Every structure is written in C-alpha cells, then in structure tokens.
Amino acid sequence: MSTDCPLSTAHQELLIHVAYQSIEHGLRHHQPLTLNILDFPEVLREPRPVFVTLRIGGDLRGCIGTLEYSQPLILNVAHYAHASAYSDPRFPPLAPNELGLVDLSISVLSPLEELNFDSEAQLMTQLRPGMDGLLLEEGCHRATLLPSVWEDIPAKQEFLQRLKIKAGLPRKYWSTNIRIQRYTAYSIHSSHAGC
C-alpha cells in the first residue's frame, strides 16, 4: 500500500531504470553503479530513505534499504538495488539468468513518527493497516516491516508478531522498553507506471 506519489511518471521511470542498471552493472563489476548526481533532476537529488524489493514470480528475492536521510534518493536507489540483488543474507546473489525475471519496486519513505503507548493493546489502536510501516527497537533488537507487508499480513496482531520475530524476539514478547516508530511510503513498481 502507498501514499500519493509526488514524483512525475518520468522521474519514477528514471528511478526504475537506474535500479535495473545498477543490478546489471553488479553482474559485471560486483559493485553498484556509480552516478554523478548532477546528471539528475533536483527532486531525485534530495535525501530520501528507500527500500528496494525484488520479486521473481511473486516470491521475494531480495529487499534491503535504509531509514536514514543521509544520501540523495538517486544514490540510495542505485546502492540498495544492488544490495537487494547481491547482499540480502536471506538469498543467494542474483544469477545472470534471473535478471530478466525480476520485478522491482522502490519504496520511498516518509520521516519516522514516534508512537506513544503504555501497553500492546494501546499500541494496536494506533496502527493503520495498509498505511503504516513500523520500526521496532528493543535493546539490541531492531527490525522494520514496510507498509506493503500488510498485503500479506492484514491483521494488526499478526503484523506486530511478525515484526517481533524479525527483530529476534518471541512472538508474544512485551516490554515497556519497546520503542515503535511508524512511517508511510509510496511505491514505484517496474511492472506498471505510476505509484
């Protein structure tokens, strides 16, 4: 799920093109595509956090990104497209024969918003299925689930439990030290124009 996309169709297509170029470049050179950001429109040079998700036949094949506002959007897309293809520890590196099978999506994230709650039940009342991505932090445990994950996990309780498991915590774990932040995202897909 996504919020309204502020980028033009041409800018979205350019981001998808750069993501695929970086993956192809990685096959030959084992590193992300190097870009001169001055070659790109100003809106793509603004610092924005992104996640790049790869799927083959509908199945997840890689997903890596950042929640930080430290790099220009266009550089993050090139870097995390490459990382999703070749550095996601859950999957082997993308093989040459898989390149033409990859469906790619780019999630451009909003700033993080702290959620305040005194209990898990209170947290549940604040969650917006289909809209919120969540970042969970508890001691050395940290994980995020993108808003698009609601498509596979529509129930709030299951969504939170999956986030805990991803962070390395038990499904039923609760502590007053859990910190939850939320964000929204707009998604750009390779399979069709628009968000």
N, C-alpha and C. Protein backbone atom coordinates (compact mmCIF):
# COMPACT_ATOMS: atom_id res chain seq x y z
N MET A 1 0.85 -1.17 0.00
CA MET A 1 0.00 0.00 0.00
C MET A 1 0.90 1.23 0.00
N SER A 2 0.39 2.36 -0.46
CA SER A 2 1.25 3.53 -0.55
C SER A 2 0.45 4.81 -0.42
N THR A 3 1.17 5.86 -0.10
CA THR A 3 0.58 7.18 -0.10
C THR A 3 0.72 7.75 -1.50
N ASP A 4 0.13 8.94 -1.72
CA ASP A 4 0.21 9.55 -3.05
C ASP A 4 1.66 9.83 -3.42
N CYS A 5 1.98 9.63 -4.68
CA CYS A 5 3.35 9.77 -5.14
C CYS A 5 3.61 11.20 -5.64
N PRO A 6 4.61 11.89 -5.07
CA PRO A 6 4.90 13.25 -5.51
C PRO A 6 5.80 13.33 -6.74
N LEU A 7 6.28 12.21 -7.23
CA LEU A 7 7.18 12.21 -8.38
C LEU A 7 6.41 12.05 -9.68
N SER A 8 6.88 12.70 -10.71
CA SER A 8 6.27 12.55 -12.02
C SER A 8 6.52 11.14 -12.56
N THR A 9 5.73 10.76 -13.53
CA THR A 9 5.93 9.45 -14.16
C THR A 9 7.34 9.33 -14.74
N ALA A 10 7.85 10.40 -15.33
CA ALA A 10 9.20 10.38 -15.90
C ALA A 10 10.25 10.16 -14.81
N HIS A 11 10.08 10.78 -13.66
CA HIS A 11 11.04 10.60 -12.56
C HIS A 11 10.96 9.18 -12.00
N GLN A 12 9.75 8.64 -11.89
CA GLN A 12 9.60 7.27 -11.43
C GLN A 12 10.29 6.29 -12.38
N GLU A 13 10.07 6.49 -13.67
CA GLU A 13 10.68 5.61 -14.67
C GLU A 13 12.21 5.71 -14.62
N LEU A 14 12.72 6.90 -14.36
CA LEU A 14 14.16 7.09 -14.26
C LEU A 14 14.72 6.33 -13.05
N LEU A 15 14.02 6.37 -11.93
CA LEU A 15 14.46 5.61 -10.75
C LEU A 15 14.48 4.11 -11.03
N ILE A 16 13.43 3.61 -11.67
CA ILE A 16 13.39 2.18 -12.02
C ILE A 16 14.54 1.83 -12.96
N HIS A 17 14.77 2.68 -13.95
CA HIS A 17 15.85 2.46 -14.92
C HIS A 17 17.21 2.39 -14.21
N VAL A 18 17.46 3.32 -13.30
CA VAL A 18 18.74 3.34 -12.57
C VAL A 18 18.87 2.09 -11.70
N ALA A 19 17.76 1.66 -11.07
CA ALA A 19 17.81 0.46 -10.23
C ALA A 19 18.21 -0.76 -11.06
N TYR A 20 17.57 -0.94 -12.22
CA TYR A 20 17.92 -2.08 -13.08
C TYR A 20 19.35 -1.95 -13.61
N GLN A 21 19.76 -0.73 -13.96
CA GLN A 21 21.14 -0.52 -14.43
C GLN A 21 22.15 -0.93 -13.36
N SER A 22 21.86 -0.58 -12.11
CA SER A 22 22.78 -0.90 -11.02
C SER A 22 22.87 -2.40 -10.80
N ILE A 23 21.75 -3.10 -10.95
CA ILE A 23 21.76 -4.56 -10.81
C ILE A 23 22.56 -5.19 -11.96
N GLU A 24 22.34 -4.71 -13.18
CA GLU A 24 23.09 -5.23 -14.34
C GLU A 24 24.58 -4.93 -14.19
N HIS A 25 24.91 -3.73 -13.74
CA HIS A 25 26.30 -3.34 -13.51
C HIS A 25 26.96 -4.27 -12.49
N GLY A 26 26.19 -4.64 -11.47
CA GLY A 26 26.70 -5.53 -10.43
C GLY A 26 27.05 -6.91 -10.95
N LEU A 27 26.34 -7.39 -11.97
CA LEU A 27 26.67 -8.69 -12.55
C LEU A 27 28.07 -8.69 -13.15
N ARG A 28 28.42 -7.57 -13.78
CA ARG A 28 29.72 -7.49 -14.46
C ARG A 28 30.86 -7.00 -13.56
N HIS A 29 30.54 -6.06 -12.65
CA HIS A 29 31.59 -5.37 -11.90
C HIS A 29 31.55 -5.60 -10.40
N HIS A 30 30.54 -6.32 -9.92
CA HIS A 30 30.43 -6.67 -8.50
C HIS A 30 30.38 -5.46 -7.58
N GLN A 31 29.80 -4.38 -8.06
CA GLN A 31 29.59 -3.19 -7.24
C GLN A 31 28.44 -2.39 -7.83
N PRO A 32 27.84 -1.48 -7.02
CA PRO A 32 26.74 -0.67 -7.54
C PRO A 32 27.20 0.27 -8.65
N LEU A 33 26.27 0.71 -9.44
CA LEU A 33 26.52 1.71 -10.48
C LEU A 33 26.98 3.01 -9.82
N THR A 34 28.01 3.63 -10.38
CA THR A 34 28.49 4.93 -9.91
C THR A 34 27.76 6.02 -10.68
N LEU A 35 27.22 6.98 -9.96
CA LEU A 35 26.43 8.04 -10.58
C LEU A 35 27.00 9.42 -10.24
N ASN A 36 26.82 10.36 -11.16
CA ASN A 36 27.06 11.77 -10.89
C ASN A 36 25.69 12.38 -10.63
N ILE A 37 25.43 12.77 -9.39
CA ILE A 37 24.08 13.22 -9.06
C ILE A 37 23.69 14.49 -9.82
N LEU A 38 24.66 15.25 -10.30
CA LEU A 38 24.35 16.47 -11.05
C LEU A 38 23.71 16.15 -12.40
N ASP A 39 23.78 14.88 -12.83
CA ASP A 39 23.14 14.46 -14.08
C ASP A 39 21.64 14.24 -13.91
N PHE A 40 21.13 14.37 -12.68
CA PHE A 40 19.73 14.01 -12.40
C PHE A 40 18.95 15.23 -11.92
N PRO A 41 17.63 15.21 -12.11
CA PRO A 41 16.79 16.33 -11.66
C PRO A 41 16.92 16.55 -10.14
N GLU A 42 16.71 17.78 -9.74
CA GLU A 42 16.89 18.16 -8.33
C GLU A 42 16.04 17.32 -7.39
N VAL A 43 14.81 16.99 -7.78
CA VAL A 43 13.93 16.22 -6.91
C VAL A 43 14.51 14.84 -6.59
N LEU A 44 15.31 14.29 -7.49
CA LEU A 44 15.93 12.98 -7.26
C LEU A 44 17.25 13.09 -6.50
N ARG A 45 17.71 14.31 -6.28
CA ARG A 45 18.95 14.53 -5.53
C ARG A 45 18.68 14.82 -4.05
N GLU A 46 17.39 14.95 -3.70
CA GLU A 46 17.04 15.21 -2.30
C GLU A 46 17.28 13.95 -1.46
N PRO A 47 17.79 14.12 -0.24
CA PRO A 47 17.99 12.95 0.63
C PRO A 47 16.65 12.30 0.99
N ARG A 48 16.51 11.03 0.67
CA ARG A 48 15.29 10.29 0.99
C ARG A 48 15.65 8.83 1.30
N PRO A 49 15.04 8.26 2.35
CA PRO A 49 15.25 6.84 2.63
C PRO A 49 14.45 5.98 1.67
N VAL A 50 14.99 4.84 1.31
CA VAL A 50 14.31 3.93 0.38
C VAL A 50 14.56 2.47 0.76
N PHE A 51 13.66 1.63 0.30
CA PHE A 51 13.88 0.19 0.27
C PHE A 51 13.64 -0.27 -1.16
N VAL A 52 14.47 -1.17 -1.64
CA VAL A 52 14.28 -1.75 -2.96
C VAL A 52 13.94 -3.23 -2.77
N THR A 53 12.82 -3.63 -3.35
CA THR A 53 12.33 -5.01 -3.21
C THR A 53 12.36 -5.69 -4.57
N LEU A 54 12.92 -6.90 -4.59
CA LEU A 54 12.96 -7.71 -5.81
C LEU A 54 12.08 -8.93 -5.61
N ARG A 55 11.29 -9.25 -6.64
CA ARG A 55 10.47 -10.46 -6.62
C ARG A 55 10.64 -11.20 -7.94
N ILE A 56 10.57 -12.51 -7.87
CA ILE A 56 10.56 -13.34 -9.07
C ILE A 56 9.35 -14.26 -8.96
N GLY A 57 8.45 -14.16 -9.93
CA GLY A 57 7.22 -14.96 -9.90
C GLY A 57 6.38 -14.68 -8.67
N GLY A 58 6.43 -13.47 -8.16
CA GLY A 58 5.67 -13.11 -6.97
C GLY A 58 6.34 -13.41 -5.66
N ASP A 59 7.45 -14.18 -5.69
CA ASP A 59 8.16 -14.54 -4.47
C ASP A 59 9.29 -13.56 -4.18
N LEU A 60 9.44 -13.21 -2.92
CA LEU A 60 10.51 -12.30 -2.51
C LEU A 60 11.87 -12.86 -2.92
N ARG A 61 12.71 -12.00 -3.50
CA ARG A 61 14.06 -12.41 -3.94
C ARG A 61 15.15 -11.52 -3.34
N GLY A 62 14.73 -10.44 -2.68
CA GLY A 62 15.67 -9.54 -2.02
C GLY A 62 14.97 -8.27 -1.61
N CYS A 63 15.34 -7.73 -0.46
CA CYS A 63 14.78 -6.45 -0.02
C CYS A 63 15.73 -5.84 1.00
N ILE A 64 16.34 -4.73 0.62
CA ILE A 64 17.26 -4.02 1.50
C ILE A 64 17.04 -2.53 1.30
N GLY A 65 17.23 -1.77 2.36
CA GLY A 65 17.09 -0.33 2.27
C GLY A 65 17.59 0.36 3.51
N THR A 66 17.20 1.61 3.65
CA THR A 66 17.62 2.43 4.77
C THR A 66 16.47 3.29 5.25
N LEU A 67 16.49 3.61 6.53
CA LEU A 67 15.53 4.53 7.12
C LEU A 67 16.16 5.91 7.34
N GLU A 68 17.40 6.07 6.90
CA GLU A 68 18.15 7.31 7.15
C GLU A 68 18.02 8.29 5.99
N TYR A 69 18.10 9.58 6.32
CA TYR A 69 18.05 10.67 5.35
C TYR A 69 19.46 11.18 5.05
N SER A 70 20.41 10.29 4.82
CA SER A 70 21.81 10.73 4.69
C SER A 70 22.29 10.84 3.25
N GLN A 71 21.60 10.21 2.30
CA GLN A 71 22.07 10.20 0.91
C GLN A 71 20.96 10.64 -0.04
N PRO A 72 21.33 11.19 -1.19
CA PRO A 72 20.32 11.54 -2.20
C PRO A 72 19.52 10.31 -2.64
N LEU A 73 18.26 10.53 -2.96
CA LEU A 73 17.36 9.47 -3.38
C LEU A 73 17.96 8.64 -4.51
N ILE A 74 18.49 9.28 -5.54
CA ILE A 74 19.00 8.55 -6.71
C ILE A 74 20.18 7.64 -6.33
N LEU A 75 21.04 8.09 -5.41
CA LEU A 75 22.17 7.27 -4.97
C LEU A 75 21.68 6.10 -4.12
N ASN A 76 20.69 6.35 -3.27
CA ASN A 76 20.13 5.26 -2.46
C ASN A 76 19.50 4.19 -3.35
N VAL A 77 18.80 4.60 -4.39
CA VAL A 77 18.18 3.63 -5.29
C VAL A 77 19.24 2.75 -5.95
N ALA A 78 20.31 3.36 -6.45
CA ALA A 78 21.38 2.57 -7.09
C ALA A 78 22.03 1.62 -6.08
N HIS A 79 22.32 2.13 -4.89
CA HIS A 79 23.01 1.33 -3.88
C HIS A 79 22.14 0.16 -3.40
N TYR A 80 20.88 0.44 -3.06
CA TYR A 80 20.05 -0.61 -2.47
C TYR A 80 19.46 -1.56 -3.50
N ALA A 81 19.36 -1.15 -4.75
CA ALA A 81 19.01 -2.11 -5.79
C ALA A 81 20.11 -3.18 -5.90
N HIS A 82 21.34 -2.71 -5.93
CA HIS A 82 22.48 -3.64 -5.97
C HIS A 82 22.51 -4.52 -4.73
N ALA A 83 22.33 -3.91 -3.55
CA ALA A 83 22.37 -4.67 -2.30
C ALA A 83 21.25 -5.71 -2.24
N SER A 84 20.07 -5.36 -2.71
CA SER A 84 18.96 -6.31 -2.71
C SER A 84 19.23 -7.51 -3.61
N ALA A 85 19.92 -7.25 -4.71
CA ALA A 85 20.22 -8.33 -5.67
C ALA A 85 21.35 -9.23 -5.20
N TYR A 86 22.33 -8.66 -4.51
CA TYR A 86 23.56 -9.42 -4.24
C TYR A 86 23.97 -9.54 -2.78
N SER A 87 23.30 -8.82 -1.87
CA SER A 87 23.76 -8.82 -0.48
C SER A 87 22.69 -9.12 0.55
N ASP A 88 21.48 -9.49 0.12
CA ASP A 88 20.46 -9.87 1.09
C ASP A 88 20.85 -11.23 1.66
N PRO A 89 21.14 -11.32 2.97
CA PRO A 89 21.63 -12.58 3.53
C PRO A 89 20.64 -13.73 3.48
N ARG A 90 19.38 -13.43 3.18
CA ARG A 90 18.37 -14.49 3.12
C ARG A 90 18.39 -15.25 1.80
N PHE A 91 19.11 -14.71 0.80
CA PHE A 91 19.08 -15.29 -0.54
C PHE A 91 20.48 -15.35 -1.13
N PRO A 92 20.71 -16.28 -2.07
CA PRO A 92 21.98 -16.26 -2.80
C PRO A 92 22.00 -15.05 -3.73
N PRO A 93 23.18 -14.60 -4.14
CA PRO A 93 23.25 -13.48 -5.09
C PRO A 93 22.46 -13.79 -6.36
N LEU A 94 21.87 -12.76 -6.93
CA LEU A 94 21.10 -12.91 -8.16
C LEU A 94 21.99 -13.49 -9.26
N ALA A 95 21.47 -14.48 -9.96
CA ALA A 95 22.22 -15.11 -11.05
C ALA A 95 21.89 -14.41 -12.37
N PRO A 96 22.80 -14.47 -13.35
CA PRO A 96 22.55 -13.81 -14.64
C PRO A 96 21.23 -14.23 -15.29
N ASN A 97 20.86 -15.51 -15.18
CA ASN A 97 19.63 -15.97 -15.82
C ASN A 97 18.37 -15.50 -15.09
N GLU A 98 18.52 -14.91 -13.90
CA GLU A 98 17.36 -14.40 -13.17
C GLU A 98 17.07 -12.94 -13.48
N LEU A 99 18.02 -12.24 -14.06
CA LEU A 99 17.88 -10.79 -14.25
C LEU A 99 16.61 -10.42 -15.01
N GLY A 100 16.31 -11.13 -16.08
CA GLY A 100 15.13 -10.82 -16.88
C GLY A 100 13.82 -11.20 -16.22
N LEU A 101 13.89 -11.91 -15.08
CA LEU A 101 12.68 -12.36 -14.38
C LEU A 101 12.29 -11.46 -13.22
N VAL A 102 13.16 -10.52 -12.89
CA VAL A 102 12.98 -9.72 -11.68
C VAL A 102 11.93 -8.62 -11.87
N ASP A 103 10.95 -8.60 -10.96
CA ASP A 103 10.04 -7.46 -10.80
C ASP A 103 10.60 -6.63 -9.65
N LEU A 104 10.70 -5.34 -9.87
CA LEU A 104 11.38 -4.47 -8.92
C LEU A 104 10.41 -3.40 -8.43
N SER A 105 10.47 -3.11 -7.13
CA SER A 105 9.71 -1.97 -6.60
C SER A 105 10.60 -1.17 -5.67
N ILE A 106 10.37 0.13 -5.68
CA ILE A 106 11.12 1.06 -4.84
C ILE A 106 10.12 1.71 -3.90
N SER A 107 10.37 1.59 -2.59
CA SER A 107 9.53 2.26 -1.59
C SER A 107 10.29 3.46 -1.06
N VAL A 108 9.73 4.65 -1.28
CA VAL A 108 10.33 5.89 -0.80
C VAL A 108 9.59 6.27 0.48
N LEU A 109 10.34 6.42 1.57
CA LEU A 109 9.74 6.51 2.89
C LEU A 109 9.59 7.94 3.39
N SER A 110 8.59 8.12 4.25
CA SER A 110 8.38 9.39 4.95
C SER A 110 9.27 9.41 6.20
N PRO A 111 9.37 10.55 6.87
CA PRO A 111 10.10 10.59 8.16
C PRO A 111 9.44 9.68 9.19
N LEU A 112 10.24 9.21 10.14
CA LEU A 112 9.73 8.37 11.22
C LEU A 112 8.91 9.20 12.20
N GLU A 113 7.83 8.59 12.72
CA GLU A 113 6.98 9.22 13.73
C GLU A 113 6.91 8.30 14.95
N GLU A 114 7.28 8.83 16.10
CA GLU A 114 7.26 8.06 17.34
C GLU A 114 5.83 7.78 17.77
N LEU A 115 5.55 6.53 18.16
CA LEU A 115 4.24 6.18 18.72
C LEU A 115 4.37 6.08 20.24
N ASN A 116 3.41 6.67 20.95
CA ASN A 116 3.42 6.64 22.41
C ASN A 116 2.30 5.73 22.89
N PHE A 117 2.64 4.80 23.79
CA PHE A 117 1.67 3.81 24.28
C PHE A 117 2.17 3.26 25.60
N ASP A 118 1.23 2.76 26.39
CA ASP A 118 1.55 2.16 27.69
C ASP A 118 1.37 0.64 27.69
N SER A 119 0.78 0.12 26.63
CA SER A 119 0.53 -1.32 26.56
C SER A 119 0.45 -1.73 25.09
N GLU A 120 0.53 -3.04 24.86
CA GLU A 120 0.39 -3.53 23.50
C GLU A 120 -1.01 -3.24 22.96
N ALA A 121 -2.02 -3.34 23.82
CA ALA A 121 -3.39 -3.05 23.39
C ALA A 121 -3.53 -1.59 22.94
N GLN A 122 -2.87 -0.69 23.66
CA GLN A 122 -2.92 0.72 23.28
C GLN A 122 -2.18 0.96 21.96
N LEU A 123 -1.07 0.26 21.79
CA LEU A 123 -0.34 0.35 20.52
C LEU A 123 -1.24 -0.10 19.36
N MET A 124 -1.97 -1.19 19.56
CA MET A 124 -2.82 -1.74 18.50
C MET A 124 -3.83 -0.71 17.98
N THR A 125 -4.34 0.14 18.89
CA THR A 125 -5.35 1.12 18.48
C THR A 125 -4.77 2.19 17.56
N GLN A 126 -3.44 2.33 17.55
CA GLN A 126 -2.80 3.37 16.75
C GLN A 126 -2.36 2.90 15.37
N LEU A 127 -2.31 1.58 15.18
CA LEU A 127 -1.81 1.05 13.91
C LEU A 127 -2.82 1.26 12.80
N ARG A 128 -2.32 1.62 11.61
CA ARG A 128 -3.17 1.86 10.44
C ARG A 128 -2.82 0.83 9.37
N PRO A 129 -3.55 -0.30 9.33
CA PRO A 129 -3.26 -1.34 8.35
C PRO A 129 -3.27 -0.79 6.93
N GLY A 130 -2.31 -1.25 6.14
CA GLY A 130 -2.20 -0.81 4.76
C GLY A 130 -1.51 0.52 4.59
N MET A 131 -1.21 1.19 5.69
CA MET A 131 -0.62 2.52 5.61
C MET A 131 0.72 2.61 6.34
N ASP A 132 0.80 2.03 7.53
CA ASP A 132 1.99 2.19 8.37
C ASP A 132 3.06 1.14 8.10
N GLY A 133 4.27 1.60 7.91
CA GLY A 133 5.44 0.76 8.10
C GLY A 133 5.87 0.95 9.54
N LEU A 134 6.43 -0.08 10.16
CA LEU A 134 6.82 0.02 11.57
C LEU A 134 8.29 -0.29 11.74
N LEU A 135 8.91 0.46 12.65
CA LEU A 135 10.28 0.18 13.10
C LEU A 135 10.19 -0.15 14.58
N LEU A 136 10.64 -1.34 14.96
CA LEU A 136 10.67 -1.78 16.35
C LEU A 136 12.10 -1.77 16.84
N GLU A 137 12.31 -1.22 18.03
CA GLU A 137 13.62 -1.25 18.68
C GLU A 137 13.43 -1.65 20.13
N GLU A 138 14.25 -2.59 20.58
CA GLU A 138 14.22 -3.08 21.96
C GLU A 138 15.62 -3.57 22.29
N GLY A 139 16.37 -2.77 23.04
CA GLY A 139 17.75 -3.13 23.34
C GLY A 139 18.55 -3.25 22.05
N CYS A 140 19.18 -4.42 21.84
CA CYS A 140 19.97 -4.64 20.63
C CYS A 140 19.11 -5.19 19.48
N HIS A 141 17.83 -5.36 19.71
CA HIS A 141 16.92 -5.89 18.69
C HIS A 141 16.32 -4.74 17.89
N ARG A 142 16.31 -4.92 16.56
CA ARG A 142 15.78 -3.86 15.69
C ARG A 142 15.28 -4.50 14.40
N ALA A 143 14.09 -4.10 13.94
CA ALA A 143 13.56 -4.61 12.67
C ALA A 143 12.49 -3.66 12.16
N THR A 144 12.25 -3.74 10.87
CA THR A 144 11.18 -2.96 10.26
C THR A 144 10.39 -3.84 9.29
N LEU A 145 9.11 -3.49 9.13
CA LEU A 145 8.26 -4.07 8.09
C LEU A 145 7.67 -2.91 7.30
N LEU A 146 7.79 -2.98 5.98
CA LEU A 146 7.28 -1.94 5.10
C LEU A 146 5.75 -1.95 5.06
N PRO A 147 5.13 -0.82 4.70
CA PRO A 147 3.67 -0.81 4.58
C PRO A 147 3.13 -1.86 3.62
N SER A 148 3.90 -2.21 2.59
CA SER A 148 3.44 -3.21 1.61
C SER A 148 3.24 -4.60 2.22
N VAL A 149 3.84 -4.86 3.40
CA VAL A 149 3.70 -6.17 4.04
C VAL A 149 2.27 -6.41 4.51
N TRP A 150 1.49 -5.34 4.71
CA TRP A 150 0.08 -5.51 5.09
C TRP A 150 -0.68 -6.31 4.04
N GLU A 151 -0.22 -6.28 2.78
CA GLU A 151 -0.90 -7.05 1.74
C GLU A 151 -0.86 -8.54 2.04
N ASP A 152 0.22 -9.00 2.70
CA ASP A 152 0.37 -10.41 3.06
C ASP A 152 -0.11 -10.69 4.48
N ILE A 153 -0.08 -9.67 5.35
CA ILE A 153 -0.45 -9.84 6.76
C ILE A 153 -1.43 -8.73 7.13
N PRO A 154 -2.73 -8.89 6.84
CA PRO A 154 -3.68 -7.80 7.06
C PRO A 154 -4.10 -7.58 8.52
N ALA A 155 -3.85 -8.54 9.41
CA ALA A 155 -4.28 -8.41 10.81
C ALA A 155 -3.21 -7.71 11.64
N LYS A 156 -3.63 -6.73 12.44
CA LYS A 156 -2.69 -5.95 13.25
C LYS A 156 -1.83 -6.82 14.16
N GLN A 157 -2.47 -7.75 14.87
CA GLN A 157 -1.75 -8.59 15.83
C GLN A 157 -0.67 -9.42 15.13
N GLU A 158 -1.04 -10.03 14.01
CA GLU A 158 -0.08 -10.85 13.26
C GLU A 158 1.05 -9.99 12.70
N PHE A 159 0.73 -8.79 12.24
CA PHE A 159 1.74 -7.87 11.71
C PHE A 159 2.78 -7.57 12.79
N LEU A 160 2.30 -7.22 14.00
CA LEU A 160 3.21 -6.91 15.09
C LEU A 160 4.02 -8.14 15.51
N GLN A 161 3.38 -9.30 15.55
CA GLN A 161 4.10 -10.52 15.91
C GLN A 161 5.19 -10.84 14.90
N ARG A 162 4.90 -10.65 13.61
CA ARG A 162 5.91 -10.89 12.57
C ARG A 162 7.08 -9.92 12.72
N LEU A 163 6.77 -8.67 13.11
CA LEU A 163 7.82 -7.69 13.32
C LEU A 163 8.71 -8.10 14.50
N LYS A 164 8.11 -8.58 15.57
CA LYS A 164 8.89 -9.04 16.73
C LYS A 164 9.81 -10.20 16.33
N ILE A 165 9.27 -11.15 15.60
CA ILE A 165 10.07 -12.31 15.17
C ILE A 165 11.23 -11.85 14.31
N LYS A 166 10.97 -10.92 13.40
CA LYS A 166 12.03 -10.41 12.53
C LYS A 166 13.13 -9.74 13.36
N ALA A 167 12.74 -9.12 14.49
CA ALA A 167 13.71 -8.47 15.37
C ALA A 167 14.43 -9.45 16.28
N GLY A 168 14.05 -10.73 16.19
CA GLY A 168 14.70 -11.74 17.03
C GLY A 168 14.06 -11.88 18.40
N LEU A 169 12.82 -11.43 18.53
CA LEU A 169 12.09 -11.52 19.80
C LEU A 169 10.99 -12.57 19.68
N PRO A 170 10.56 -13.14 20.82
CA PRO A 170 9.43 -14.08 20.77
C PRO A 170 8.15 -13.39 20.30
N ARG A 171 7.30 -14.15 19.66
CA ARG A 171 6.05 -13.64 19.09
C ARG A 171 5.19 -12.90 20.14
N LYS A 172 5.15 -13.44 21.37
CA LYS A 172 4.29 -12.87 22.43
C LYS A 172 5.05 -11.90 23.33
N TYR A 173 6.28 -11.57 22.98
CA TYR A 173 7.12 -10.72 23.83
C TYR A 173 6.50 -9.34 24.02
N TRP A 174 6.60 -8.82 25.25
CA TRP A 174 6.23 -7.43 25.51
C TRP A 174 7.10 -6.86 26.60
N SER A 175 7.43 -5.60 26.49
CA SER A 175 8.23 -4.90 27.47
C SER A 175 7.89 -3.42 27.39
N THR A 176 7.99 -2.74 28.50
CA THR A 176 7.76 -1.29 28.49
C THR A 176 8.90 -0.55 27.79
N ASN A 177 9.97 -1.27 27.47
CA ASN A 177 11.11 -0.65 26.78
C ASN A 177 10.99 -0.70 25.26
N ILE A 178 9.98 -1.39 24.73
CA ILE A 178 9.81 -1.46 23.28
C ILE A 178 9.52 -0.06 22.74
N ARG A 179 10.25 0.28 21.70
CA ARG A 179 10.03 1.56 21.02
C ARG A 179 9.51 1.25 19.62
N ILE A 180 8.42 1.89 19.24
CA ILE A 180 7.84 1.71 17.90
C ILE A 180 7.74 3.07 17.22
N GLN A 181 8.26 3.14 16.02
CA GLN A 181 8.08 4.31 15.18
C GLN A 181 7.39 3.86 13.90
N ARG A 182 6.61 4.74 13.31
CA ARG A 182 5.94 4.40 12.07
C ARG A 182 6.33 5.39 10.97
N TYR A 183 6.08 4.95 9.75
CA TYR A 183 6.33 5.78 8.56
C TYR A 183 5.38 5.32 7.48
N THR A 184 5.20 6.14 6.48
CA THR A 184 4.44 5.75 5.30
C THR A 184 5.42 5.65 4.13
N ALA A 185 4.94 5.16 3.01
CA ALA A 185 5.80 5.01 1.84
C ALA A 185 4.96 5.12 0.58
N TYR A 186 5.58 5.58 -0.48
CA TYR A 186 4.96 5.42 -1.79
C TYR A 186 5.84 4.47 -2.57
N SER A 187 5.20 3.61 -3.33
CA SER A 187 5.92 2.55 -4.05
C SER A 187 5.88 2.81 -5.54
N ILE A 188 7.02 2.58 -6.15
CA ILE A 188 7.17 2.69 -7.59
C ILE A 188 7.49 1.29 -8.10
N HIS A 189 6.68 0.79 -9.03
CA HIS A 189 6.82 -0.59 -9.50
C HIS A 189 7.32 -0.63 -10.94
N SER A 190 8.13 -1.65 -11.21
CA SER A 190 8.65 -1.80 -12.56
C SER A 190 7.61 -2.31 -13.54
N SER A 191 6.56 -2.95 -13.02
CA SER A 191 5.61 -3.60 -13.91
C SER A 191 4.58 -2.65 -14.51
N HIS A 192 4.43 -1.45 -13.92
CA HIS A 192 3.48 -0.50 -14.48
C HIS A 192 3.86 0.91 -14.05
N ALA A 193 3.41 1.90 -14.80
CA ALA A 193 3.71 3.29 -14.47
C ALA A 193 2.84 3.75 -13.33
N GLY A 194 3.29 4.76 -12.62
CA GLY A 194 2.54 5.33 -11.52
C GLY A 194 2.87 4.65 -10.23
N CYS A 195 2.35 5.20 -9.13
CA CYS A 195 2.69 4.68 -7.81
C CYS A 195 1.86 3.47 -7.48
